[in-house]
Amino acid sequence: MTPAAAGASGLPLRRFLPAVVVGATVWSAVHVTAGFLLREAAEQFEKAFGIAGWVVLAVVVVAGVVGWRVRRRRAQARRAAARETVAVLADERRDAA
């Protein structure tokens, strides 16, 4: 989004480009360094929580799918109820006229 915001604001490329280069370099260096320093901790975590991690991931995915389906069905029920209410009100209005 930063390039779009910079372009929309009219920021000249000669001011934007150096900032992007510095930002990307620092961002990359931080992430590569963190990965290098935390590799052993990540390996230990994977050994300790390998199976449990997959189980937790599966539970989260199933819960997400179930939640999504429940919300979708409730939304469909609300739309159907709203259509029915509109139809009843239209009938009452027609009868009153």
Protein backbone atom coordinates (compact mmCIF):
# COMPACT_ATOMS: atom_id res chain seq x y z
CA MET A 1 0.00 0.00 0.00
CA THR A 2 2.94 2.34 0.50
CA PRO A 3 3.65 2.80 -3.23
CA ALA A 4 -0.02 3.52 -3.88
CA ALA A 5 -0.17 6.04 -1.04
CA ALA A 6 3.05 7.69 -2.19
CA GLY A 7 1.77 7.93 -5.75
CA ALA A 8 -1.62 9.26 -4.67
CA SER A 9 0.03 11.93 -2.54
CA GLY A 10 2.28 13.02 -5.39
CA LEU A 11 5.53 12.09 -3.64
CA PRO A 12 8.36 12.37 -6.16
CA LEU A 13 10.16 9.14 -7.04
CA ARG A 14 13.54 10.65 -6.13
CA ARG A 15 12.34 11.01 -2.52
CA PHE A 16 10.37 7.76 -2.38
CA LEU A 17 12.92 5.37 -3.89
CA PRO A 18 15.75 5.90 -1.34
CA ALA A 19 13.33 5.44 1.55
CA VAL A 20 11.99 2.22 0.00
CA VAL A 21 15.49 0.86 -0.55
CA VAL A 22 16.54 1.60 3.05
CA GLY A 23 13.28 0.21 4.45
CA ALA A 24 13.46 -3.00 2.41
CA THR A 25 17.10 -3.54 3.35
CA VAL A 26 16.47 -3.08 7.07
CA TRP A 27 13.32 -5.24 6.95
CA SER A 28 15.18 -8.05 5.19
CA ALA A 29 18.17 -7.84 7.51
CA VAL A 30 15.98 -8.00 10.61
CA HIS A 31 14.05 -11.03 9.39
CA VAL A 32 17.09 -12.95 8.18
CA THR A 33 18.91 -12.24 11.45
CA ALA A 34 15.89 -13.28 13.53
CA GLY A 35 15.58 -16.50 11.54
CA PHE A 36 19.26 -17.26 11.97
CA LEU A 37 19.22 -16.57 15.72
CA LEU A 38 15.98 -18.42 16.40
CA ARG A 39 16.59 -21.49 14.25
CA GLU A 40 17.52 -23.71 17.19
CA ALA A 41 14.50 -22.58 19.19
CA ALA A 42 12.28 -23.28 16.18
CA GLU A 43 13.74 -26.78 15.82
CA GLN A 44 13.16 -27.50 19.52
CA PHE A 45 9.61 -26.18 19.28
CA GLU A 46 8.96 -28.38 16.26
CA LYS A 47 10.27 -31.45 18.08
CA ALA A 48 8.27 -30.72 21.23
CA PHE A 49 5.03 -29.67 19.57
CA GLY A 50 5.21 -31.37 16.18
CA ILE A 51 2.22 -33.71 16.49
CA ALA A 52 0.34 -31.46 18.92
CA GLY A 53 0.89 -28.51 16.60
CA TRP A 54 -0.71 -30.37 13.69
CA VAL A 55 -3.61 -31.40 15.90
CA VAL A 56 -4.14 -27.81 17.05
CA LEU A 57 -3.95 -26.61 13.45
CA ALA A 58 -6.55 -29.18 12.39
CA VAL A 59 -8.87 -28.17 15.25
CA VAL A 60 -8.52 -24.50 14.33
CA VAL A 61 -9.27 -25.20 10.66
CA VAL A 62 -12.32 -27.35 11.49
CA ALA A 63 -13.59 -24.73 13.96
CA GLY A 64 -13.11 -22.03 11.32
CA VAL A 65 -15.04 -23.98 8.69
CA VAL A 66 -17.86 -24.77 11.13
CA GLY A 67 -18.02 -21.14 12.26
CA TRP A 68 -18.09 -19.93 8.67
CA ARG A 69 -20.93 -22.33 7.78
CA VAL A 70 -22.95 -21.34 10.85
CA ARG A 71 -22.59 -17.66 10.04
CA ARG A 72 -23.55 -18.27 6.42
CA ARG A 73 -26.68 -20.20 7.40
CA ARG A 74 -27.69 -17.56 9.92
CA ALA A 75 -27.24 -14.84 7.31
CA GLN A 76 -29.41 -16.80 4.87
CA ALA A 77 -32.08 -17.22 7.55
CA ARG A 78 -32.00 -13.48 8.29
CA ARG A 79 -32.35 -12.66 4.60
CA ALA A 80 -35.28 -15.07 4.28
CA ALA A 81 -36.96 -13.55 7.35
CA ALA A 82 -36.43 -10.05 5.97
CA ARG A 83 -37.97 -11.05 2.62
CA GLU A 84 -40.95 -12.55 4.44
CA THR A 85 -41.38 -9.40 6.54
CA VAL A 86 -41.26 -7.22 3.45
CA ALA A 87 -43.85 -9.43 1.75
CA VAL A 88 -46.17 -9.28 4.80
CA LEU A 89 -45.83 -5.51 5.03
CA ALA A 90 -46.51 -5.15 1.32
CA ASP A 91 -49.64 -7.30 1.66
CA GLU A 92 -50.85 -5.25 4.64
CA ARG A 93 -50.23 -2.02 2.75
CA ARG A 94 -52.05 -3.33 -0.29
CA ASP A 95 -55.00 -4.43 1.91
CA ALA A 96 -55.13 -1.06 3.64
CA ALA A 97 -55.27 0.82 0.34
